[in-house]
Amino acid sequence: MKGAWRGLEAIPATFGPSAVTIGNFDGVHLGHRKILLAAAAFARRSGMSSVALTFDPHPLEVVAPALAPKALTSLGQRVRLIRRQGIDHVAILPFTAALSKLSPRQFAERVLAGKLAARKVVVGADFRFGCGQAGDAAELGRLGQELGFGVELAGTVLVGGAAVSSTRVRSLVRQGRVAEARRLLGRRFSLQGPIVKGDGIGAKHTVPTLNLAPESQVLPADGVYVTVTCLSGRNGCHESITNVGMRPTFNGRQRTVETFLLGQLAGDAPEAIELKFLRKIRDERKFASASLLREQIQIDVEVAARFFRRLRAVSRDSSVAS
C-alpha cells in the first residue's frame, strides 16, 4: 500500500523525528481531518515527517468482537483519505491480543518515543490508549514530558450542534441520508471495489449495469440513489443512478449494488469503480413485471438528470464528483 507501513517492523530504524496522530480514522470525517491536518501542519513547520498511526483490525474486533463497528471505509481507502490530508506516512499496526495488553507507558515508550521518534503527538480530547483504555490525553501528556514529546489536543468538530463521529456517519448512511452524511465527512460518502459479473438480468430485462462488490462494510439503506461513478484507471467521472438492495422484482436473495451510467461508457467495462452518493431518490420496491420496473428506471433517470442539471447550474465542477 503506497505511503503505508504494515507493522512496526516495517518502519525504518533511522526514522524520525516525527509528528504523530493516533486513531482508527474510520470514514476520515471532519473530526479526523482536523487532527490529521494539525499533525501535518506541525510537521511541515518543524521540518519533520508526519505519521498517522492506525490499527487493523479495529481494536474492538480483538477485545470485544460483539461490539466492533462495521467499517465505513476499507483499509486501502482509509490510507488514501488520510494521506490526502498532507500526512507523509501511515503506520498500520496489526491489533493483536499482545498489543492490547500494553500499558499506556509501554505503548508510549515502545511505539511513540521508540519506533516513531515522536516529538509531537496530536490527539482528540476523548483519546484513550493502553490496556483497558487506561490512558487518556492527560496521561499521554505526562508521559510525553518524560519521553520527549509534546501533546496537542485538537478541538471537537460540531455539526448540527453535536460532535462529528464515525457512529453518526454510520447511522446517517444506513438511513439513506447520504446528503447529511456529506456534511460530517466533508466529502461525498463513497463505496469502492471491483466490478463483478452479474446474472444478466439488467441487460436482458431492464438496463445494463455495473455491479460493485464493495470493499467496506456499511451500505446505504436499500433504495435508488443519484450517484457519480468514477472509473478505476480512467480520467473523469460519470453521472449515474445506483440501486442498493435485494432486487425484489426478480426475487433476489443477495443484496447488490448496481449502477447505471446516464451517459454512454466508452470502451470495455472497468475493473473497479468508486461510487459517490449524492441523494436518495426512492426506496426499493417490488414491481409486478420487469417492464414496469424498466419504466420506473426511466423516471429515476430523468429525476437524476434534472438533479445534475440544477447542480451544474451552481457548480463549476461539471462532474459533481467532490
C-alpha atoms as a PDB file:
ATOM      1  CA  MET A   1       0.000   0.000   0.000  1.00  0.00           C
ATOM      2  CA  LYS A   2       1.594   3.244  -1.141  1.00  0.00           C
ATOM      3  CA  GLY A   3       2.713   5.507   1.687  1.00  0.00           C
ATOM      4  CA  ALA A   4       1.900   2.949   4.360  1.00  0.00           C
ATOM      5  CA  TRP A   5       3.897   0.706   6.692  1.00  0.00           C
ATOM      6  CA  ARG A   6       2.335  -2.559   7.797  1.00  0.00           C
ATOM      7  CA  GLY A   7       3.605  -3.273  11.300  1.00  0.00           C
ATOM      8  CA  LEU A   8       6.274  -1.623  13.432  1.00  0.00           C
ATOM      9  CA  GLU A   9       8.995  -3.779  11.901  1.00  0.00           C
ATOM     10  CA  ALA A  10       8.386  -2.084   8.536  1.00  0.00           C
ATOM     11  CA  ILE A  11       9.344   1.338   9.904  1.00  0.00           C
ATOM     12  CA  PRO A  12      12.989   2.172   9.082  1.00  0.00           C
ATOM     13  CA  ALA A  13      15.296   2.047  12.091  1.00  0.00           C
ATOM     14  CA  THR A  14      16.552   5.539  11.251  1.00  0.00           C
ATOM     15  CA  PHE A  15      13.082   7.060  11.002  1.00  0.00           C
ATOM     16  CA  GLY A  16      12.310  10.273  12.873  1.00  0.00           C
ATOM     17  CA  PRO A  17      11.763  12.759  14.312  1.00  0.00           C
ATOM     18  CA  SER A  18       8.050  12.893  13.646  1.00  0.00           C
ATOM     19  CA  ALA A  19       4.678  14.409  14.450  1.00  0.00           C
ATOM     20  CA  VAL A  20       2.231  11.588  15.165  1.00  0.00           C
ATOM     21  CA  THR A  21      -1.506  11.240  15.417  1.00  0.00           C
ATOM     22  CA  ILE A  22      -3.306   8.089  16.518  1.00  0.00           C
ATOM     23  CA  GLY A  23      -6.739   6.708  15.753  1.00  0.00           C
ATOM     24  CA  ASN A  24      -8.925   4.277  13.864  1.00  0.00           C
ATOM     25  CA  PHE A  25      -9.920   7.082  11.476  1.00  0.00           C
ATOM     26  CA  ASP A  26     -12.822   5.081  10.028  1.00  0.00           C
ATOM     27  CA  GLY A  27     -14.538   7.302   7.474  1.00  0.00           C
ATOM     28  CA  VAL A  28     -11.888  10.031   7.833  1.00  0.00           C
ATOM     29  CA  HIS A  29     -14.614  12.539   8.730  1.00  0.00           C
ATOM     30  CA  LEU A  30     -14.227  16.233   9.619  1.00  0.00           C
ATOM     31  CA  GLY A  31     -13.184  15.457  13.197  1.00  0.00           C
ATOM     32  CA  HIS A  32     -10.442  13.115  11.985  1.00  0.00           C
ATOM     33  CA  ARG A  33      -9.365  15.598   9.345  1.00  0.00           C
ATOM     34  CA  LYS A  34      -8.872  18.343  11.935  1.00  0.00           C
ATOM     35  CA  ILE A  35      -6.496  16.100  13.884  1.00  0.00           C
ATOM     36  CA  LEU A  36      -4.642  14.917  10.778  1.00  0.00           C
ATOM     37  CA  LEU A  37      -4.245  18.425   9.397  1.00  0.00           C
ATOM     38  CA  ALA A  38      -2.868  19.651  12.735  1.00  0.00           C
ATOM     39  CA  ALA A  39      -0.209  16.921  12.781  1.00  0.00           C
ATOM     40  CA  ALA A  40       0.725  17.554   9.149  1.00  0.00           C
ATOM     41  CA  ALA A  41       0.982  21.313   9.725  1.00  0.00           C
ATOM     42  CA  PHE A  42       3.202  20.907  12.782  1.00  0.00           C
ATOM     43  CA  ALA A  43       5.478  18.539  10.892  1.00  0.00           C
ATOM     44  CA  ARG A  44       5.869  20.972   7.985  1.00  0.00           C
ATOM     45  CA  ARG A  45       6.644  23.882  10.297  1.00  0.00           C
ATOM     46  CA  SER A  46       9.180  21.828  12.223  1.00  0.00           C
ATOM     47  CA  GLY A  47      10.899  20.155   9.274  1.00  0.00           C
ATOM     48  CA  MET A  48       9.946  16.614  10.299  1.00  0.00           C
ATOM     49  CA  SER A  49       7.747  13.809   8.978  1.00  0.00           C
ATOM     50  CA  SER A  50       4.094  13.336   9.853  1.00  0.00           C
ATOM     51  CA  VAL A  51       2.698   9.910  10.729  1.00  0.00           C
ATOM     52  CA  ALA A  52      -0.845   8.671  11.250  1.00  0.00           C
ATOM     53  CA  LEU A  53      -0.857   5.554  13.415  1.00  0.00           C
ATOM     54  CA  THR A  54      -3.923   3.398  12.829  1.00  0.00           C
ATOM     55  CA  PHE A  55      -4.985  -0.154  13.577  1.00  0.00           C
ATOM     56  CA  ASP A  56      -6.158  -3.179  11.620  1.00  0.00           C
ATOM     57  CA  PRO A  57      -8.333  -4.887  12.591  1.00  0.00           C
ATOM     58  CA  HIS A  58     -10.358  -2.470  14.712  1.00  0.00           C
ATOM     59  CA  PRO A  59      -9.306  -2.982  18.365  1.00  0.00           C
ATOM     60  CA  LEU A  60     -12.832  -3.989  19.358  1.00  0.00           C
ATOM     61  CA  GLU A  61     -12.680  -6.922  16.952  1.00  0.00           C
ATOM     62  CA  VAL A  62      -9.985  -8.342  19.241  1.00  0.00           C
ATOM     63  CA  VAL A  63     -11.093  -7.284  22.727  1.00  0.00           C
ATOM     64  CA  ALA A  64     -14.907  -7.262  22.270  1.00  0.00           C
ATOM     65  CA  PRO A  65     -15.925  -8.665  18.853  1.00  0.00           C
ATOM     66  CA  ALA A  66     -19.662  -8.303  19.512  1.00  0.00           C
ATOM     67  CA  LEU A  67     -19.209  -4.556  19.910  1.00  0.00           C
ATOM     68  CA  ALA A  68     -16.975  -3.991  16.879  1.00  0.00           C
ATOM     69  CA  PRO A  69     -18.470  -1.465  14.421  1.00  0.00           C
ATOM     70  CA  LYS A  70     -18.853  -2.135  10.713  1.00  0.00           C
ATOM     71  CA  ALA A  71     -16.285  -0.276   8.632  1.00  0.00           C
ATOM     72  CA  LEU A  72     -17.227   2.828   6.659  1.00  0.00           C
ATOM     73  CA  THR A  73     -14.005   2.578   4.659  1.00  0.00           C
ATOM     74  CA  SER A  74     -11.758  -0.241   3.567  1.00  0.00           C
ATOM     75  CA  LEU A  75      -8.184  -0.128   4.814  1.00  0.00           C
ATOM     76  CA  GLY A  76      -6.905   0.982   1.424  1.00  0.00           C
ATOM     77  CA  GLN A  77      -9.492   3.752   1.153  1.00  0.00           C
ATOM     78  CA  ARG A  78      -8.710   4.870   4.699  1.00  0.00           C
ATOM     79  CA  VAL A  79      -4.994   5.144   3.895  1.00  0.00           C
ATOM     80  CA  ARG A  80      -5.684   7.175   0.750  1.00  0.00           C
ATOM     81  CA  LEU A  81      -8.023   9.565   2.566  1.00  0.00           C
ATOM     82  CA  ILE A  82      -5.559  10.022   5.435  1.00  0.00           C
ATOM     83  CA  ARG A  83      -2.715  10.860   3.071  1.00  0.00           C
ATOM     84  CA  ARG A  84      -4.872  13.443   1.283  1.00  0.00           C
ATOM     85  CA  GLN A  85      -4.721  15.489   4.496  1.00  0.00           C
ATOM     86  CA  GLY A  86      -0.986  16.007   3.983  1.00  0.00           C
ATOM     87  CA  ILE A  87       0.192  13.081   6.133  1.00  0.00           C
ATOM     88  CA  ASP A  88       3.519  11.681   4.931  1.00  0.00           C
ATOM     89  CA  HIS A  89       3.233   8.135   6.280  1.00  0.00           C
ATOM     90  CA  VAL A  90       0.513   5.833   7.589  1.00  0.00           C
ATOM     91  CA  ALA A  91       1.674   3.191  10.074  1.00  0.00           C
ATOM     92  CA  ILE A  92      -0.806   0.311  10.213  1.00  0.00           C
ATOM     93  CA  LEU A  93      -0.427  -1.542  13.470  1.00  0.00           C
ATOM     94  CA  PRO A  94      -1.906  -5.064  13.452  1.00  0.00           C
ATOM     95  CA  PHE A  95      -4.050  -5.118  16.574  1.00  0.00           C
ATOM     96  CA  THR A  96      -3.368  -8.320  18.487  1.00  0.00           C
ATOM     97  CA  ALA A  97      -4.087  -9.654  21.957  1.00  0.00           C
ATOM     98  CA  ALA A  98      -0.448  -8.933  22.858  1.00  0.00           C
ATOM     99  CA  LEU A  99      -0.732  -5.316  21.728  1.00  0.00           C
ATOM    100  CA  SER A 100      -3.971  -4.898  23.682  1.00  0.00           C
ATOM    101  CA  LYS A 101      -2.092  -5.784  26.884  1.00  0.00           C
ATOM    102  CA  LEU A 102       0.475  -2.975  26.591  1.00  0.00           C
ATOM    103  CA  SER A 103       0.111  -0.426  29.353  1.00  0.00           C
ATOM    104  CA  PRO A 104      -0.100   3.277  28.414  1.00  0.00           C
ATOM    105  CA  ARG A 105       3.564   3.687  29.413  1.00  0.00           C
ATOM    106  CA  GLN A 106       4.691   0.676  27.395  1.00  0.00           C
ATOM    107  CA  PHE A 107       2.810   1.935  24.325  1.00  0.00           C
ATOM    108  CA  ALA A 108       4.274   5.432  24.659  1.00  0.00           C
ATOM    109  CA  GLU A 109       7.803   4.117  25.216  1.00  0.00           C
ATOM    110  CA  ARG A 110       7.902   1.379  22.578  1.00  0.00           C
ATOM    111  CA  VAL A 111       5.751   2.824  19.821  1.00  0.00           C
ATOM    112  CA  LEU A 112       5.647   6.609  20.102  1.00  0.00           C
ATOM    113  CA  ALA A 113       9.026   7.547  21.559  1.00  0.00           C
ATOM    114  CA  GLY A 114      10.744   4.378  20.321  1.00  0.00           C
ATOM    115  CA  LYS A 115       9.751   3.360  16.811  1.00  0.00           C
ATOM    116  CA  LEU A 116       8.273   6.652  15.648  1.00  0.00           C
ATOM    117  CA  ALA A 117      10.690   9.026  17.433  1.00  0.00           C
ATOM    118  CA  ALA A 118       7.729  11.284  18.166  1.00  0.00           C
ATOM    119  CA  ARG A 119       8.337  14.919  19.063  1.00  0.00           C
ATOM    120  CA  LYS A 120       4.672  15.891  18.893  1.00  0.00           C
ATOM    121  CA  VAL A 121       1.534  13.752  19.290  1.00  0.00           C
ATOM    122  CA  VAL A 122      -1.821  15.206  18.216  1.00  0.00           C
ATOM    123  CA  VAL A 123      -4.994  13.554  19.547  1.00  0.00           C
ATOM    124  CA  GLY A 124      -8.640  14.326  20.194  1.00  0.00           C
ATOM    125  CA  ALA A 125      -9.929  15.289  23.622  1.00  0.00           C
ATOM    126  CA  ASP A 126     -11.591  11.869  24.109  1.00  0.00           C
ATOM    127  CA  PHE A 127      -8.445   9.908  23.190  1.00  0.00           C
ATOM    128  CA  ARG A 128      -7.853   6.671  25.132  1.00  0.00           C
ATOM    129  CA  PHE A 129      -4.982   4.218  24.842  1.00  0.00           C
ATOM    130  CA  GLY A 130      -3.249   1.305  26.522  1.00  0.00           C
ATOM    131  CA  CYS A 131      -4.586  -1.854  28.145  1.00  0.00           C
ATOM    132  CA  GLY A 132      -8.253  -1.436  29.033  1.00  0.00           C
ATOM    133  CA  GLN A 133      -8.071   2.114  27.637  1.00  0.00           C
ATOM    134  CA  ALA A 134      -6.463   3.093  30.914  1.00  0.00           C
ATOM    135  CA  GLY A 135      -4.625   6.071  29.450  1.00  0.00           C
ATOM    136  CA  ASP A 136      -6.203   9.362  28.413  1.00  0.00           C
ATOM    137  CA  ALA A 137      -4.918  12.606  26.886  1.00  0.00           C
ATOM    138  CA  ALA A 138      -3.738  13.872  30.274  1.00  0.00           C
ATOM    139  CA  GLU A 139      -1.750  10.676  30.905  1.00  0.00           C
ATOM    140  CA  LEU A 140      -0.275  10.944  27.402  1.00  0.00           C
ATOM    141  CA  GLY A 141       0.846  14.482  28.235  1.00  0.00           C
ATOM    142  CA  ARG A 142       2.577  13.345  31.418  1.00  0.00           C
ATOM    143  CA  LEU A 143       4.342  10.536  29.570  1.00  0.00           C
ATOM    144  CA  GLY A 144       5.329  12.934  26.819  1.00  0.00           C
ATOM    145  CA  GLN A 145       7.098  15.181  29.311  1.00  0.00           C
ATOM    146  CA  GLU A 146       9.217  12.210  30.399  1.00  0.00           C
ATOM    147  CA  LEU A 147       9.815  10.765  26.951  1.00  0.00           C
ATOM    148  CA  GLY A 148      10.470  13.916  24.961  1.00  0.00           C
ATOM    149  CA  PHE A 149       7.326  14.649  23.011  1.00  0.00           C
ATOM    150  CA  GLY A 150       4.676  17.311  23.337  1.00  0.00           C
ATOM    151  CA  VAL A 151       0.948  16.625  23.166  1.00  0.00           C
ATOM    152  CA  GLU A 152      -1.582  18.770  21.320  1.00  0.00           C
ATOM    153  CA  LEU A 153      -5.334  18.372  21.713  1.00  0.00           C
ATOM    154  CA  ALA A 154      -7.397  19.047  18.603  1.00  0.00           C
ATOM    155  CA  GLY A 155     -10.768  20.571  19.399  1.00  0.00           C
ATOM    156  CA  THR A 156     -14.045  18.782  18.728  1.00  0.00           C
ATOM    157  CA  VAL A 157     -15.777  19.483  15.422  1.00  0.00           C
ATOM    158  CA  LEU A 158     -19.516  20.137  15.752  1.00  0.00           C
ATOM    159  CA  VAL A 159     -22.107  19.771  13.011  1.00  0.00           C
ATOM    160  CA  GLY A 160     -25.735  20.406  13.835  1.00  0.00           C
ATOM    161  CA  GLY A 161     -24.796  21.093  17.444  1.00  0.00           C
ATOM    162  CA  ALA A 162     -23.295  17.637  18.036  1.00  0.00           C
ATOM    163  CA  ALA A 163     -19.802  16.200  17.749  1.00  0.00           C
ATOM    164  CA  VAL A 164     -18.884  14.620  14.429  1.00  0.00           C
ATOM    165  CA  SER A 165     -18.224  10.903  14.872  1.00  0.00           C
ATOM    166  CA  SER A 166     -17.989   7.732  12.839  1.00  0.00           C
ATOM    167  CA  THR A 167     -21.052   6.468  14.727  1.00  0.00           C
ATOM    168  CA  ARG A 168     -23.127   9.416  13.493  1.00  0.00           C
ATOM    169  CA  VAL A 169     -21.919   8.912   9.929  1.00  0.00           C
ATOM    170  CA  ARG A 170     -22.781   5.190  10.015  1.00  0.00           C
ATOM    171  CA  SER A 171     -26.274   5.964  11.290  1.00  0.00           C
ATOM    172  CA  LEU A 172     -26.967   8.525   8.557  1.00  0.00           C
ATOM    173  CA  VAL A 173     -25.652   6.286   5.783  1.00  0.00           C
ATOM    174  CA  ARG A 174     -27.679   3.301   6.984  1.00  0.00           C
ATOM    175  CA  GLN A 175     -30.786   5.505   6.901  1.00  0.00           C
ATOM    176  CA  GLY A 176     -30.021   6.581   3.340  1.00  0.00           C
ATOM    177  CA  ARG A 177     -29.391  10.173   4.458  1.00  0.00           C
ATOM    178  CA  VAL A 178     -26.266  10.479   2.326  1.00  0.00           C
ATOM    179  CA  ALA A 179     -26.531  14.236   1.771  1.00  0.00           C
ATOM    180  CA  GLU A 180     -26.451  14.748   5.551  1.00  0.00           C
ATOM    181  CA  ALA A 181     -23.559  12.320   5.881  1.00  0.00           C
ATOM    182  CA  ARG A 182     -21.594  14.518   3.490  1.00  0.00           C
ATOM    183  CA  ARG A 183     -21.788  17.390   5.989  1.00  0.00           C
ATOM    184  CA  LEU A 184     -19.978  15.250   8.565  1.00  0.00           C
ATOM    185  CA  LEU A 185     -17.486  13.720   6.149  1.00  0.00           C
ATOM    186  CA  GLY A 186     -16.628  16.893   4.239  1.00  0.00           C
ATOM    187  CA  ARG A 187     -16.954  14.799   1.062  1.00  0.00           C
ATOM    188  CA  ARG A 188     -19.438  12.506  -0.613  1.00  0.00           C
ATOM    189  CA  PHE A 189     -19.941   9.149   1.059  1.00  0.00           C
ATOM    190  CA  SER A 190     -18.499   6.610  -1.343  1.00  0.00           C
ATOM    191  CA  LEU A 191     -18.124   2.907  -1.941  1.00  0.00           C
ATOM    192  CA  GLN A 192     -15.130   1.424  -3.745  1.00  0.00           C
ATOM    193  CA  GLY A 193     -14.370  -2.015  -5.066  1.00  0.00           C
ATOM    194  CA  PRO A 194     -14.096  -4.310  -8.065  1.00  0.00           C
ATOM    195  CA  ILE A 195     -16.742  -4.830 -10.716  1.00  0.00           C
ATOM    196  CA  VAL A 196     -18.174  -8.333 -10.612  1.00  0.00           C
ATOM    197  CA  LYS A 197     -20.173 -10.219 -13.204  1.00  0.00           C
ATOM    198  CA  GLY A 198     -23.899 -10.088 -12.646  1.00  0.00           C
ATOM    199  CA  ASP A 199     -26.507 -12.635 -13.649  1.00  0.00           C
ATOM    200  CA  GLY A 200     -27.517 -10.692 -16.766  1.00  0.00           C
ATOM    201  CA  ILE A 201     -30.997  -9.723 -15.550  1.00  0.00           C
ATOM    202  CA  GLY A 202     -30.430  -5.992 -16.019  1.00  0.00           C
ATOM    203  CA  ALA A 203     -29.059  -6.218 -19.545  1.00  0.00           C
ATOM    204  CA  LYS A 204     -31.856  -8.595 -20.573  1.00  0.00           C
ATOM    205  CA  HIS A 205     -34.895  -7.118 -18.807  1.00  0.00           C
ATOM    206  CA  THR A 206     -34.217  -3.512 -17.693  1.00  0.00           C
ATOM    207  CA  VAL A 207     -30.943  -1.603 -18.242  1.00  0.00           C
ATOM    208  CA  PRO A 208     -27.281  -2.704 -18.275  1.00  0.00           C
ATOM    209  CA  THR A 209     -25.481  -2.035 -15.004  1.00  0.00           C
ATOM    210  CA  LEU A 210     -22.052  -2.142 -13.400  1.00  0.00           C
ATOM    211  CA  ASN A 211     -22.162  -4.440 -10.373  1.00  0.00           C
ATOM    212  CA  LEU A 212     -19.954  -3.329  -7.497  1.00  0.00           C
ATOM    213  CA  ALA A 213     -18.515  -5.611  -4.818  1.00  0.00           C
ATOM    214  CA  PRO A 214     -17.978  -3.040  -2.018  1.00  0.00           C
ATOM    215  CA  GLU A 215     -14.767  -3.259  -0.016  1.00  0.00           C
ATOM    216  CA  SER A 216     -16.277  -1.506   3.015  1.00  0.00           C
ATOM    217  CA  GLN A 217     -18.985  -2.934   5.259  1.00  0.00           C
ATOM    218  CA  VAL A 218     -21.506  -0.102   5.692  1.00  0.00           C
ATOM    219  CA  LEU A 219     -24.000   0.260   2.851  1.00  0.00           C
ATOM    220  CA  PRO A 220     -26.671   2.930   2.360  1.00  0.00           C
ATOM    221  CA  ALA A 221     -30.251   1.929   3.060  1.00  0.00           C
ATOM    222  CA  ASP A 222     -31.879  -0.066   0.286  1.00  0.00           C
ATOM    223  CA  GLY A 223     -33.100   2.232  -2.449  1.00  0.00           C
ATOM    224  CA  VAL A 224     -32.232   4.168  -5.591  1.00  0.00           C
ATOM    225  CA  TYR A 225     -29.670   6.981  -5.408  1.00  0.00           C
ATOM    226  CA  VAL A 226     -28.246   9.741  -7.554  1.00  0.00           C
ATOM    227  CA  THR A 227     -24.550   8.895  -7.775  1.00  0.00           C
ATOM    228  CA  VAL A 228     -21.326   9.775  -9.517  1.00  0.00           C
ATOM    229  CA  THR A 229     -19.317   6.813 -10.819  1.00  0.00           C
ATOM    230  CA  CYS A 230     -15.548   7.178 -11.121  1.00  0.00           C
ATOM    231  CA  LEU A 231     -13.812   4.505 -13.174  1.00  0.00           C
ATOM    232  CA  SER A 232     -10.555   2.980 -11.993  1.00  0.00           C
ATOM    233  CA  GLY A 233      -7.607   3.756 -14.252  1.00  0.00           C
ATOM    234  CA  ARG A 234      -9.519   6.329 -16.317  1.00  0.00           C
ATOM    235  CA  ASN A 235      -9.940  10.084 -16.199  1.00  0.00           C
ATOM    236  CA  GLY A 236     -13.239  11.626 -15.284  1.00  0.00           C
ATOM    237  CA  CYS A 237     -16.419  10.502 -13.611  1.00  0.00           C
ATOM    238  CA  HIS A 238     -19.908   9.732 -14.897  1.00  0.00           C
ATOM    239  CA  GLU A 239     -23.344  10.787 -13.734  1.00  0.00           C
ATOM    240  CA  SER A 240     -25.294   7.720 -12.693  1.00  0.00           C
ATOM    241  CA  ILE A 241     -28.072   6.163 -10.653  1.00  0.00           C
ATOM    242  CA  THR A 242     -27.433   3.292  -8.267  1.00  0.00           C
ATOM    243  CA  ASN A 243     -29.729   0.696  -6.761  1.00  0.00           C
ATOM    244  CA  VAL A 244     -28.778  -0.806  -3.408  1.00  0.00           C
ATOM    245  CA  GLY A 245     -30.927  -3.736  -2.417  1.00  0.00           C
ATOM    246  CA  MET A 246     -32.313  -7.206  -2.937  1.00  0.00           C
ATOM    247  CA  ARG A 247     -33.907  -6.797  -6.404  1.00  0.00           C
ATOM    248  CA  PRO A 248     -37.336  -7.932  -5.143  1.00  0.00           C
ATOM    249  CA  THR A 249     -38.897  -7.790  -8.620  1.00  0.00           C
ATOM    250  CA  PHE A 250     -36.640 -10.705  -9.543  1.00  0.00           C
ATOM    251  CA  ASN A 251     -36.841 -12.416  -6.124  1.00  0.00           C
ATOM    252  CA  GLY A 252     -33.209 -11.622  -5.368  1.00  0.00           C
ATOM    253  CA  ARG A 253     -31.598 -13.413  -2.451  1.00  0.00           C
ATOM    254  CA  GLN A 254     -28.456 -11.314  -2.063  1.00  0.00           C
ATOM    255  CA  ARG A 255     -28.001  -7.562  -1.575  1.00  0.00           C
ATOM    256  CA  THR A 256     -26.380  -5.948  -4.598  1.00  0.00           C
ATOM    257  CA  VAL A 257     -25.040  -2.530  -5.597  1.00  0.00           C
ATOM    258  CA  GLU A 258     -25.882  -1.911  -9.265  1.00  0.00           C
ATOM    259  CA  THR A 259     -25.095   1.265 -11.174  1.00  0.00           C
ATOM    260  CA  PHE A 260     -26.461   2.589 -14.446  1.00  0.00           C
ATOM    261  CA  LEU A 261     -24.464   5.318 -16.198  1.00  0.00           C
ATOM    262  CA  LEU A 262     -26.542   8.166 -17.618  1.00  0.00           C
ATOM    263  CA  GLY A 263     -24.059   8.609 -20.445  1.00  0.00           C
ATOM    264  CA  GLN A 264     -22.508   6.061 -22.749  1.00  0.00           C
ATOM    265  CA  LEU A 265     -19.426   4.227 -21.481  1.00  0.00           C
ATOM    266  CA  ALA A 266     -16.547   4.253 -23.955  1.00  0.00           C
ATOM    267  CA  GLY A 267     -14.510   1.058 -24.150  1.00  0.00           C
ATOM    268  CA  ASP A 268     -14.689  -2.033 -22.017  1.00  0.00           C
ATOM    269  CA  ALA A 269     -16.224  -2.139 -18.555  1.00  0.00           C
ATOM    270  CA  PRO A 270     -13.778  -1.002 -15.849  1.00  0.00           C
ATOM    271  CA  GLU A 271     -12.205  -3.435 -13.406  1.00  0.00           C
ATOM    272  CA  ALA A 272     -13.108  -1.265 -10.394  1.00  0.00           C
ATOM    273  CA  ILE A 273     -15.142   1.838  -9.600  1.00  0.00           C
ATOM    274  CA  GLU A 274     -15.820   4.347  -6.859  1.00  0.00           C
ATOM    275  CA  LEU A 275     -19.452   5.324  -6.290  1.00  0.00           C
ATOM    276  CA  LYS A 276     -20.157   8.719  -4.712  1.00  0.00           C
ATOM    277  CA  PHE A 277     -23.660   9.066  -3.286  1.00  0.00           C
ATOM    278  CA  LEU A 278     -25.394  12.428  -3.699  1.00  0.00           C
ATOM    279  CA  ARG A 279     -29.014  11.870  -2.668  1.00  0.00           C
ATOM    280  CA  LYS A 280     -31.668   9.200  -2.341  1.00  0.00           C
ATOM    281  CA  ILE A 281     -34.421   9.150  -4.977  1.00  0.00           C
ATOM    282  CA  ARG A 282     -36.755   6.486  -3.587  1.00  0.00           C
ATOM    283  CA  ASP A 283     -36.997   3.266  -1.619  1.00  0.00           C
ATOM    284  CA  GLU A 284     -36.519  -0.047  -3.363  1.00  0.00           C
ATOM    285  CA  ARG A 285     -39.812  -1.818  -4.073  1.00  0.00           C
ATOM    286  CA  LYS A 286     -41.160  -4.824  -5.908  1.00  0.00           C
ATOM    287  CA  PHE A 287     -42.829  -4.298  -9.301  1.00  0.00           C
ATOM    288  CA  ALA A 288     -45.379  -6.594 -10.898  1.00  0.00           C
ATOM    289  CA  SER A 289     -43.244  -7.027 -14.006  1.00  0.00           C
ATOM    290  CA  ALA A 290     -39.840  -6.225 -15.478  1.00  0.00           C
ATOM    291  CA  SER A 291     -41.452  -3.793 -17.931  1.00  0.00           C
ATOM    292  CA  LEU A 292     -42.966  -1.750 -15.079  1.00  0.00           C
ATOM    293  CA  LEU A 293     -39.580  -1.678 -13.361  1.00  0.00           C
ATOM    294  CA  ARG A 294     -37.971  -0.545 -16.608  1.00  0.00           C
ATOM    295  CA  GLU A 295     -40.486   2.324 -16.837  1.00  0.00           C
ATOM    296  CA  GLN A 296     -39.682   3.337 -13.255  1.00  0.00           C
ATOM    297  CA  ILE A 297     -35.951   3.279 -14.001  1.00  0.00           C
ATOM    298  CA  GLN A 298     -36.518   5.735 -16.841  1.00  0.00           C
ATOM    299  CA  ILE A 299     -38.357   8.007 -14.391  1.00  0.00           C
ATOM    300  CA  ASP A 300     -35.455   7.649 -11.940  1.00  0.00           C
ATOM    301  CA  VAL A 301     -33.012   8.547 -14.715  1.00  0.00           C
ATOM    302  CA  GLU A 302     -34.939  11.729 -15.507  1.00  0.00           C
ATOM    303  CA  VAL A 303     -35.074  12.663 -11.802  1.00  0.00           C
ATOM    304  CA  ALA A 304     -31.295  12.230 -11.624  1.00  0.00           C
ATOM    305  CA  ALA A 305     -30.743  14.149 -14.864  1.00  0.00           C
ATOM    306  CA  ARG A 306     -32.746  17.111 -13.518  1.00  0.00           C
ATOM    307  CA  PHE A 307     -30.770  16.962 -10.289  1.00  0.00           C
ATOM    308  CA  PHE A 308     -27.460  17.084 -12.179  1.00  0.00           C
ATOM    309  CA  ARG A 309     -28.679  19.961 -14.387  1.00  0.00           C
ATOM    310  CA  ARG A 310     -29.545  22.010 -11.300  1.00  0.00           C
ATOM    311  CA  LEU A 311     -26.242  21.114  -9.686  1.00  0.00           C
ATOM    312  CA  ARG A 312     -24.227  22.096 -12.763  1.00  0.00           C
ATOM    313  CA  ALA A 313     -26.018  25.413 -12.844  1.00  0.00           C
ATOM    314  CA  VAL A 314     -24.500  26.346  -9.488  1.00  0.00           C
ATOM    315  CA  SER A 315     -21.207  24.487  -9.766  1.00  0.00           C
ATOM    316  CA  ARG A 316     -18.136  24.892 -11.931  1.00  0.00           C
ATOM    317  CA  ASP A 317     -17.364  21.184 -11.473  1.00  0.00           C
ATOM    318  CA  SER A 318     -19.344  19.551 -14.264  1.00  0.00           C
ATOM    319  CA  SER A 319     -18.553  16.071 -12.896  1.00  0.00           C
ATOM    320  CA  VAL A 320     -20.039  16.953  -9.478  1.00  0.00           C
ATOM    321  CA  ALA A 321     -17.588  14.402  -8.082  1.00  0.00           C
ATOM    322  CA  SER A 322     -16.377  16.138  -4.955  1.00  0.00           C
END
